[in-house]
Structure formats: structure tokens, C-alpha cells
Protein backbone atom coordinates (compact mmCIF):
# COMPACT_ATOMS: atom_id res chain seq x y z
CA UNK A 1 -5.87 -3.80 -7.28
CA UNK A 2 -5.89 -5.72 -3.99
CA UNK A 3 -3.34 -8.08 -3.18
CA UNK A 4 -2.81 -10.90 -6.13
CA UNK A 5 -2.36 -14.26 -4.18
CA UNK A 6 -2.44 -17.85 -4.58
CA UNK A 7 -5.84 -17.98 -2.75
CA UNK A 8 -7.41 -15.54 -5.08
CA UNK A 9 -5.85 -17.80 -8.27
CA UNK A 10 -4.04 -14.05 -8.87
CA UNK A 11 -7.29 -13.12 -9.74
CA UNK A 12 -7.31 -9.44 -10.33
CA UNK A 13 -10.24 -7.50 -8.22
CA UNK A 14 -10.15 -3.54 -7.84
CA UNK A 15 -10.84 -1.75 -4.38
CA UNK A 16 -12.53 1.81 -4.94
CA UNK A 17 -12.87 3.94 -1.94
CA UNK A 18 -14.39 7.76 -1.01
CA UNK A 19 -14.18 10.24 -3.81
CA UNK A 20 -17.11 12.76 -4.50
CA UNK A 21 -20.94 12.58 -5.78
CA UNK A 22 -21.59 15.77 -7.41
CA UNK A 23 -24.40 16.00 -10.31
CA UNK A 24 -22.79 17.00 -13.93
CA UNK A 25 -24.28 20.43 -13.73
CA UNK A 26 -22.54 21.07 -10.18
CA UNK A 27 -19.34 20.46 -11.69
CA UNK A 28 -19.46 23.52 -14.05
CA UNK A 29 -16.45 24.15 -16.54
CA UNK A 30 -12.68 23.68 -16.98
CA UNK A 31 -12.26 27.22 -15.46
CA UNK A 32 -14.34 26.84 -12.07
CA UNK A 33 -17.16 24.32 -10.76
CA UNK A 34 -20.81 25.98 -10.53
CA UNK A 35 -21.08 24.94 -7.05
CA UNK A 36 -18.83 25.69 -3.41
CA UNK A 37 -17.41 22.40 -3.79
CA UNK A 38 -15.88 22.51 -0.24
CA UNK A 39 -18.80 22.13 1.48
CA UNK A 40 -19.79 19.30 -0.15
CA UNK A 41 -18.62 16.01 2.05
CA UNK A 42 -16.76 13.37 0.44
CA UNK A 43 -18.19 9.91 0.40
CA UNK A 44 -17.29 7.20 2.46
CA UNK A 45 -18.33 4.17 0.57
CA UNK A 46 -16.43 1.28 -0.90
CA UNK A 47 -16.92 -0.90 -3.54
CA UNK A 48 -14.96 -3.90 -5.14
CA UNK A 49 -15.00 -5.09 -8.93
CA UNK A 50 -13.51 -8.16 -10.68
CA UNK A 51 -13.22 -7.09 -14.23
CA UNK A 52 -12.83 -10.58 -15.12
CA UNK A 53 -14.79 -12.99 -13.43
CA UNK A 54 -13.82 -16.60 -13.94
CA UNK A 55 -17.30 -17.87 -14.28
CA UNK A 56 -18.19 -15.53 -17.37
CA UNK A 57 -20.25 -13.48 -15.70
CA UNK A 58 -20.69 -10.09 -15.99
CA UNK A 59 -18.54 -7.96 -13.67
CA UNK A 60 -20.36 -6.22 -10.85
CA UNK A 61 -19.76 -3.82 -8.13
CA UNK A 62 -20.12 -5.26 -4.55
CA UNK A 63 -20.27 -3.07 -1.55
CA UNK A 64 -17.64 -3.42 0.55
CA UNK A 65 -16.60 -1.91 4.23
CA UNK A 66 -16.91 1.83 4.58
CA UNK A 67 -14.09 4.05 5.04
CA UNK A 68 -13.86 5.19 8.67
CA UNK A 69 -14.64 8.70 7.62
CA UNK A 70 -15.24 10.02 4.30
CA UNK A 71 -12.41 11.13 2.04
CA UNK A 72 -11.44 12.70 -1.15
CA UNK A 73 -7.86 12.16 -2.80
CA UNK A 74 -6.91 9.41 -0.39
CA UNK A 75 -4.15 7.18 -1.76
CA UNK A 76 -4.07 3.59 -1.36
CA UNK A 77 -0.34 2.10 -0.66
CA UNK A 78 0.09 -1.54 -0.53
CA UNK A 79 2.09 -2.93 2.71
CA UNK A 80 4.38 -5.56 2.86
CA UNK A 81 2.03 -7.63 5.47
CA UNK A 82 -0.72 -8.14 2.38
CA UNK A 83 -2.52 -4.81 3.94
CA UNK A 84 -3.10 -1.61 2.28
CA UNK A 85 -2.71 1.84 3.82
CA UNK A 86 -4.86 4.69 2.50
CA UNK A 87 -3.46 8.17 3.48
CA UNK A 88 -3.90 12.03 2.61
CA UNK A 89 -6.51 13.68 1.32
CA UNK A 90 -9.51 15.95 2.39
CA UNK A 91 -12.98 15.67 3.94
CA UNK A 92 -14.88 18.18 1.83
CA UNK A 93 -14.62 19.01 -1.75
CA UNK A 94 -12.76 17.68 -4.80
CA UNK A 95 -9.06 17.57 -6.18
CA UNK A 96 -8.41 20.97 -8.55
CA UNK A 97 -8.15 24.63 -7.77
CA UNK A 98 -9.79 27.60 -9.08
CA UNK A 99 -10.16 31.61 -8.24
CA UNK A 100 -14.25 31.59 -7.92
CA UNK A 101 -17.07 29.23 -8.11
CA UNK A 102 -20.52 29.71 -9.74
CA UNK A 103 -21.40 30.69 -5.93
CA UNK A 104 -18.52 32.38 -4.60
CA UNK A 105 -17.66 34.97 -7.64
CA UNK A 106 -14.70 36.69 -6.42
CA UNK A 107 -11.49 35.32 -5.26
CA UNK A 108 -11.36 37.69 -2.37
CA UNK A 109 -14.32 35.68 -0.77
CA UNK A 110 -13.02 32.11 -1.54
CA UNK A 111 -12.39 30.81 2.12
CA UNK A 112 -9.60 28.57 1.64
CA UNK A 113 -7.75 30.32 -0.90
CA UNK A 114 -7.97 28.29 -4.93
CA UNK A 115 -8.50 25.12 -2.91
CA UNK A 116 -11.71 23.03 -4.29
CA UNK A 117 -11.25 20.99 -0.49
CA UNK A 118 -11.48 21.44 2.83
CA UNK A 119 -11.16 19.36 5.84
CA UNK A 120 -7.93 17.54 5.48
CA UNK A 121 -7.86 13.88 6.43
CA UNK A 122 -4.81 13.28 8.70
CA UNK A 123 -5.67 9.97 10.00
CA UNK A 124 -4.38 7.21 8.06
CA UNK A 125 -6.11 3.83 7.70
CA UNK A 126 -5.28 -0.15 7.03
CA UNK A 127 -7.39 -1.88 5.05
CA UNK A 128 -7.41 -6.03 5.69
CA UNK A 129 -8.85 -7.49 2.22
CA UNK A 130 -8.74 -10.72 4.31
CA UNK A 131 -10.62 -9.66 7.57
CA UNK A 132 -14.17 -10.43 7.45
CA UNK A 133 -16.82 -8.28 6.22
CA UNK A 134 -17.22 -5.41 8.64
CA UNK A 135 -13.80 -5.33 10.36
CA UNK A 136 -11.44 -4.38 7.04
CA UNK A 137 -10.71 -1.06 8.05
CA UNK A 138 -8.35 -0.19 11.18
CA UNK A 139 -7.04 3.22 12.59
CA UNK A 140 -6.13 1.77 15.96
CA UNK A 141 -2.52 2.99 17.19
CA UNK A 142 -2.02 4.89 14.31
CA UNK A 143 -1.39 8.98 14.74
CA UNK A 144 -2.47 11.52 12.61
CA UNK A 145 -0.76 14.59 10.82
CA UNK A 146 -1.04 17.89 11.19
CA UNK A 147 0.19 18.68 7.54
CA UNK A 148 -2.60 19.15 5.05
CA UNK A 149 -2.13 16.87 1.76
CA UNK A 150 -4.75 17.79 -0.34
CA UNK A 151 -4.32 18.35 -4.06
CA UNK A 152 -0.97 17.05 -5.70
CA UNK A 153 0.08 14.84 -2.66
CA UNK A 154 2.00 11.87 -3.01
CA UNK A 155 2.91 8.88 -1.24
CA UNK A 156 5.65 6.12 -1.58
CA UNK A 157 6.57 2.74 -0.10
CA UNK A 158 10.15 2.71 0.77
CA UNK A 159 12.35 -0.38 0.87
CA UNK A 160 12.12 -0.93 4.58
CA UNK A 161 8.71 -0.78 4.58
CA UNK A 162 8.11 3.02 5.57
CA UNK A 163 6.20 5.33 3.67
CA UNK A 164 7.19 8.36 2.60
CA UNK A 165 4.55 11.03 2.51
CA UNK A 166 5.22 14.39 0.71
CA UNK A 167 3.50 17.25 -1.46
CA UNK A 168 0.19 19.57 -1.45
CA UNK A 169 -0.63 22.24 -3.68
CA UNK A 170 -4.28 22.89 -4.20
CA UNK A 171 -3.04 26.56 -6.12
CA UNK A 172 -2.33 27.47 -9.53
CA UNK A 173 1.17 28.26 -8.55
CA UNK A 174 3.52 28.15 -5.34
CA UNK A 175 2.08 29.68 -2.44
CA UNK A 176 3.32 29.64 0.82
CA UNK A 177 0.77 32.21 2.50
CA UNK A 178 -2.83 30.71 1.97
CA UNK A 179 -4.72 28.48 4.10
CA UNK A 180 -3.36 25.31 2.40
CA UNK A 181 0.01 26.35 1.18
CA UNK A 182 2.53 24.59 -1.24
CA UNK A 183 4.24 21.91 0.81
CA UNK A 184 7.95 20.75 0.82
CA UNK A 185 8.28 18.81 4.02
CA UNK A 186 8.17 15.14 3.83
CA UNK A 187 6.87 12.85 6.70
CA UNK A 188 7.16 8.93 7.02
CA UNK A 189 4.79 6.92 8.28
CA UNK A 190 5.79 3.97 9.82
CA UNK A 191 3.11 1.24 10.18
CA UNK A 192 2.29 -1.13 12.90
CA UNK A 193 4.98 -3.66 12.14
CA UNK A 194 7.53 -1.35 13.32
CA UNK A 195 7.13 -2.19 16.85
CA UNK A 196 8.47 -5.50 16.21
CA UNK A 197 11.88 -5.71 17.74
CA UNK A 198 13.08 -8.80 15.51
CA UNK A 199 12.73 -8.16 11.66
CA UNK A 200 13.32 -11.12 9.12
CA UNK A 201 16.42 -11.28 7.22
CA UNK A 202 16.44 -12.85 3.72
CA UNK A 203 19.32 -14.55 2.44
CA UNK A 204 20.03 -15.67 -1.60
CA UNK A 205 17.15 -13.77 -3.12
CA UNK A 206 17.88 -13.98 -6.61
CA UNK A 207 18.46 -10.34 -8.48
CA UNK A 208 16.19 -11.75 -11.43
CA UNK A 209 12.77 -13.24 -11.18
CA UNK A 210 11.15 -14.79 -14.47
CA UNK A 211 7.55 -15.84 -15.35
CA UNK A 212 7.13 -19.52 -14.32
CA UNK A 213 10.31 -22.04 -14.28
CA UNK A 214 12.25 -23.56 -11.43
CA UNK A 215 11.91 -22.40 -7.86
CA UNK A 216 14.26 -20.82 -5.99
CA UNK A 217 15.41 -20.90 -2.42
CA UNK A 218 15.41 -18.20 0.34
CA UNK A 219 17.06 -18.71 3.35
CA UNK A 220 15.82 -16.94 6.94
CA UNK A 221 18.57 -17.76 10.15
CA UNK A 222 16.86 -18.22 13.60
CA UNK A 223 18.14 -14.62 14.54
CA UNK A 224 15.25 -13.56 12.02
CA UNK A 225 12.67 -14.72 13.50
CA UNK A 226 10.76 -15.03 17.35
CA UNK A 227 8.79 -17.99 18.27
CA UNK A 228 8.87 -21.68 17.30
CA UNK A 229 10.72 -22.33 13.65
CA UNK A 230 7.87 -24.36 12.43
CA UNK A 231 5.21 -21.73 13.43
CA UNK A 232 7.45 -19.07 12.04
CA UNK A 233 7.81 -21.06 8.86
CA UNK A 234 3.91 -21.79 8.37
CA UNK A 235 3.16 -17.99 9.55
CA UNK A 236 5.60 -17.02 6.39
CA UNK A 237 4.32 -15.06 3.05
CA UNK A 238 6.58 -13.78 0.36
CA UNK A 239 5.73 -10.28 -1.32
CA UNK A 240 6.59 -9.05 -4.78
CA UNK A 241 5.86 -5.23 -4.89
CA UNK A 242 6.08 -2.76 -7.01
CA UNK A 243 5.22 0.87 -5.61
CA UNK A 244 4.34 2.42 -9.17
CA UNK A 245 4.50 6.00 -10.48
CA UNK A 246 3.02 8.30 -7.87
CA UNK A 247 1.61 11.69 -8.75
CA UNK A 248 -1.66 13.25 -8.15
CA UNK A 249 -2.88 10.78 -5.10
CA UNK A 250 -2.11 7.85 -7.51
CA UNK A 251 0.45 5.45 -7.78
CA UNK A 252 0.11 4.14 -11.34
CA UNK A 253 1.30 0.62 -11.97
CA UNK A 254 1.42 -0.47 -8.51
CA UNK A 255 1.15 -4.16 -7.78
CA UNK A 256 1.60 -6.47 -4.98
CA UNK A 257 1.76 -10.11 -5.43
CA UNK A 258 2.37 -13.19 -3.28
CA UNK A 259 4.49 -15.65 -4.14
CA UNK A 260 3.60 -19.30 -4.02
CA UNK A 261 6.25 -21.28 -1.53
CA UNK A 262 7.32 -23.76 0.71
CA UNK A 263 9.20 -24.38 3.33
CA UNK A 264 11.88 -27.24 4.94
CA UNK A 265 12.62 -26.57 8.75
CA UNK A 266 16.16 -27.52 10.04
CA UNK A 267 16.74 -28.56 13.11
CA UNK A 268 18.56 -25.53 14.27
CA UNK A 269 15.56 -23.19 13.06
CA UNK A 270 16.99 -22.74 9.83
CA UNK A 271 14.26 -22.31 7.31
CA UNK A 272 14.23 -22.67 3.81
CA UNK A 273 11.31 -20.87 2.11
CA UNK A 274 11.25 -22.89 -1.71
CA UNK A 275 9.63 -20.12 -3.64
CA UNK A 276 7.64 -20.30 -7.10
CA UNK A 277 8.36 -17.79 -9.93
CA UNK A 278 5.66 -15.46 -10.74
CA UNK A 279 3.08 -16.80 -12.68
CA UNK A 280 3.48 -17.17 -16.26
CA UNK A 281 1.60 -14.54 -17.55
CA UNK A 282 3.55 -11.17 -17.56
CA UNK A 283 0.12 -9.00 -18.09
CA UNK A 284 -0.41 -9.58 -13.88
CA UNK A 285 2.54 -8.33 -13.30
CA UNK A 286 4.51 -6.47 -15.88
CA UNK A 287 8.40 -6.98 -16.24
CA UNK A 288 10.61 -4.32 -14.65
CA UNK A 289 11.91 -3.58 -11.04
CA UNK A 290 10.28 -4.49 -7.49
CA UNK A 291 10.84 -5.06 -4.14
CA UNK A 292 10.66 -8.82 -2.96
CA UNK A 293 9.75 -8.71 1.05
CA UNK A 294 9.71 -12.08 3.28
CA UNK A 295 6.98 -11.34 5.76
CA UNK A 296 6.81 -13.43 9.40
CA UNK A 297 4.06 -13.63 11.45
CA UNK A 298 3.13 -10.15 9.75
CA UNK A 299 6.77 -8.94 10.37
CA UNK A 300 8.32 -8.12 6.82
CA UNK A 301 11.88 -7.62 6.24
CA UNK A 302 13.59 -5.02 4.07
CA UNK A 303 12.58 -5.27 0.54
CA UNK A 304 15.40 -6.73 -1.63
CA UNK A 305 15.46 -5.05 -5.46
CA UNK A 306 14.59 -7.36 -8.05
CA UNK A 307 14.14 -7.27 -11.95
CA UNK A 308 10.95 -8.86 -12.85
CA UNK A 309 11.29 -10.27 -16.67
CA UNK A 310 14.44 -10.75 -18.98
CA UNK A 311 15.01 -6.43 -18.71
CA UNK A 312 14.22 -6.38 -22.16
CA UNK A 313 11.01 -4.28 -23.86
CA UNK A 314 9.09 -6.58 -25.90
CA UNK A 315 7.36 -9.98 -25.08
CA UNK A 316 8.62 -11.66 -22.22
CA UNK A 317 9.74 -15.34 -22.27
CA UNK A 318 7.50 -17.69 -19.96
CA UNK A 319 7.40 -21.07 -18.92
CA UNK A 320 5.41 -23.75 -16.77
CA UNK A 321 4.44 -22.75 -13.49
CA UNK A 322 7.13 -23.99 -10.71
CA UNK A 323 6.37 -27.04 -8.92
CA UNK A 324 7.06 -26.72 -5.14
CA UNK A 325 8.79 -29.59 -2.82
CA UNK A 326 6.32 -30.44 -0.10
CA UNK A 327 6.89 -28.72 2.95
CA UNK A 328 8.89 -30.41 5.95
CA UNK A 329 8.98 -29.23 9.57
CA UNK A 330 11.15 -29.74 12.21
CA UNK A 331 10.79 -32.58 14.39
CA UNK A 332 12.89 -30.45 17.41
CA UNK A 333 10.83 -27.29 16.59
CA UNK A 334 12.59 -25.24 18.83
CA UNK A 335 15.95 -22.85 18.29
CA UNK A 336 18.57 -21.80 20.57
CA UNK A 337 18.57 -17.99 19.99
CA UNK A 338 15.74 -15.17 19.91
CA UNK A 339 12.91 -17.36 20.86
CA UNK A 340 11.74 -15.90 23.87
CA UNK A 341 8.39 -14.21 23.00
CA UNK A 342 6.36 -16.72 21.25
CA UNK A 343 5.94 -14.88 18.18
CA UNK A 344 3.51 -11.84 16.94
CA UNK A 345 0.44 -14.40 15.79
CA UNK A 346 -0.71 -14.70 12.40
CA UNK A 347 0.02 -11.97 9.71
CA UNK A 348 -2.12 -8.41 9.32
CA UNK A 349 -4.89 -9.80 11.41
CA UNK A 350 -2.83 -10.00 15.05
CA UNK A 351 -0.42 -7.41 14.37
CA UNK A 352 -2.59 -4.63 14.25
CA UNK A 353 -4.10 -5.98 17.70
CA UNK A 354 -1.44 -5.88 19.55
CA UNK A 355 -1.57 -4.14 22.92
CA UNK A 356 -0.44 -0.75 23.56
CA UNK A 357 0.56 -0.21 20.02
CA UNK A 358 1.72 3.30 19.03
CA UNK A 359 2.74 4.19 15.51
CA UNK A 360 3.64 7.95 15.05
CA UNK A 361 4.36 10.08 12.35
CA UNK A 362 7.55 11.61 12.12
CA UNK A 363 8.13 14.77 10.37
CA UNK A 364 11.39 14.83 8.25
CA UNK A 365 13.25 18.04 9.15
CA UNK A 366 14.00 18.24 5.76
CA UNK A 367 12.60 20.83 2.89
CA UNK A 368 13.63 19.63 -0.48
CA UNK A 369 12.32 20.28 -3.90
CA UNK A 370 11.18 17.53 -5.17
CA UNK A 371 9.99 17.21 -8.93
CA UNK A 372 7.07 17.86 -10.38
CA UNK A 373 5.79 14.16 -10.51
CA UNK A 374 6.68 13.81 -6.84
CA UNK A 375 5.42 17.14 -5.51
CA UNK A 376 3.18 17.75 -7.65
CA UNK A 377 3.15 21.57 -8.12
CA UNK A 378 2.96 21.74 -11.68
């Protein structure tokens, strides 16, 4: 699901990318496919669909920008700058495992062990839903991983805005010696915004958010951003993210919602963000835990853990949508500290275009046994 924002009136739109196109007969049966799937290239096509158009028209798939490379079993992760990361997967084949196919009839002849996919895609890609068509995908400055992440891989956004990547086991059981083995090594992906020297620090974030009701104020001190106070305030977004439950290259229940806000800039550079509660529709962002990020000039704060709703199972109380005061800039528009580099431009568009940007995948020198839902070795 693409970010739910005031600009799109919180209308859910789904983005589908990659996967595999195989005719029904070639899928075979539950034991094995009829064809050698690892030889069939994955699709690079992406489509959007809005399941409930507001004009009453029938839902329609609309082709979007294609992936940089075909990818099957790719996993989308919502990032706190309003973009989407796609990571993991393969360039050929499909999810699953088998010890033969209708074409390769013995296990000894299987070229990748039990894996029905091949060609791991280690190159991350970032999708900007607000970019113009034809320029929504970027791989600039994003380093590749050399660890295959195929069937049973997982990824999860962490509170600091990095992404933990783990798993891969396209085998019926633990297998440490095959071409694509059971993988216990975790990696951390650091998006482009980690190149920033200064990150926002949000103060006074409430522990509980409601569906409608009175707005709340978040304080940003002058030391928490670069550039002019008025520009920083105007280029601020507030994101609510639920990472979802991750397994099998999916984050079930993942949501990203932008909370509406206005601002007041004090003469000393302190910014007060007048922040709306969630829209009074609990079905858009279901009750439960989430992280709140404040993002200034495309640079997010660490996430603050919050509870959405009343913390109880059942019907959630709602109130009228929050009414915000008008934004108020500072006539001074300067501050005494951390104002030397003029900021980083506006949101995801400029942060991905910064010259000399390098982002690396750091391999955690940790081998730990994760649960089945995270590692997927079941």
C-alpha cells in the first residue's frame, strides 16, 4: 500500500511489482512444477490499483514505472521519508522448493538444489510515489549485497530508520552446503538519509494517538535541523508507520500514514509542529503499536513508539477530525546554531540526488537463530 497522505485524502492505493508469469499447466502440482522455473525471468512490471475509487468507477490497474530489474519475491519496506524500499528476491523463478520438476526428473540434476529460483537480486531500489512518471525508481548510491535472499527471506524497518534483513532458505529443511543455503546472517541497510550529519529530535510526542480529536504539539529544537527555520518547518512531514509482521517476503499489516500538521516558528529557531490525530476512520490504520517519525528536509528522526487507539480489542472511539491552527513563520528566519549548510532541499526527491552519496550494506557479524516467522526456515 502506498503512503496514506492528506494530499491523496488518505485513499488506499496498492502498488504491485515483479513476480512471475507462468501459465497454469507449467505450475504443475503441489509436489513440483512442470517446468524448470529457475530459467524463467521474473517480471519487471509494476501496476497501481485503487480498490475503492471515490468517483464510483470500477477499480482499474494502471501501469506504473517498471522495476530497474525483474524481481520475484521482492519485499517492500515503507521508509520514514515517504518512499518505499524494495529488497531481496531473485531475477528468475519463483518461491518454493522441490526435488525435481517435470523437466528435470532427478534431484541430482537440479542445478540449484531444491531452490525453484535463481539469480539473487542484491541491488536495493527505492520508489518515490511523488516523483514524475518515468523517474520513480532509483538505485543511485545504493550498494548491493552478496548474500542471496530468496524464499523465506525477511526485512523489517527499525526505529532508527534502518532496515534489518534476514533469512533465506529455499530448502525443505536446514541445509548449509547447497547453492542457496539456510542463512542465519543478518544485514542492516542504511537508506540515503543516513548520510545526514544532523537528524531531527522530536520532543513531547504523546504515547497514545486517537482517531480524530484534539491536535497535539511536537517541539523541534534549533539543534535538530539545518538551514533556515522557516524552510525547515515548511519541509516537515510527520509519518506514522507500522512495520507489519514479516515472513515470506511480506510485511502483513504494514502501513504508512502522514499526519496532517501546521507549524509555528519561534524567533530563536524552535519549531512547534501542530499535529493532527489520525483521521476518524480506524479501518485506514488499525489500532495497535506504531512508530512516529518527524522528517525534516527528507531526514527522519528516530521513531517514537506510540499506541494507536484505546489499547483495547473492539470498536474504537472516534471524534471529529482535528482542526489545526494556521502556520506561522518567524520574521527573523535564522537561528544561532547548526545553520551553516543551508539544508538538504525538499523531501525524498532531493535527498536521493545528493552528490557523492554512498550507502552501504553492513553485514552484522552476528549469527543468531531467529524465529520461524522472521527467518522462515519452517
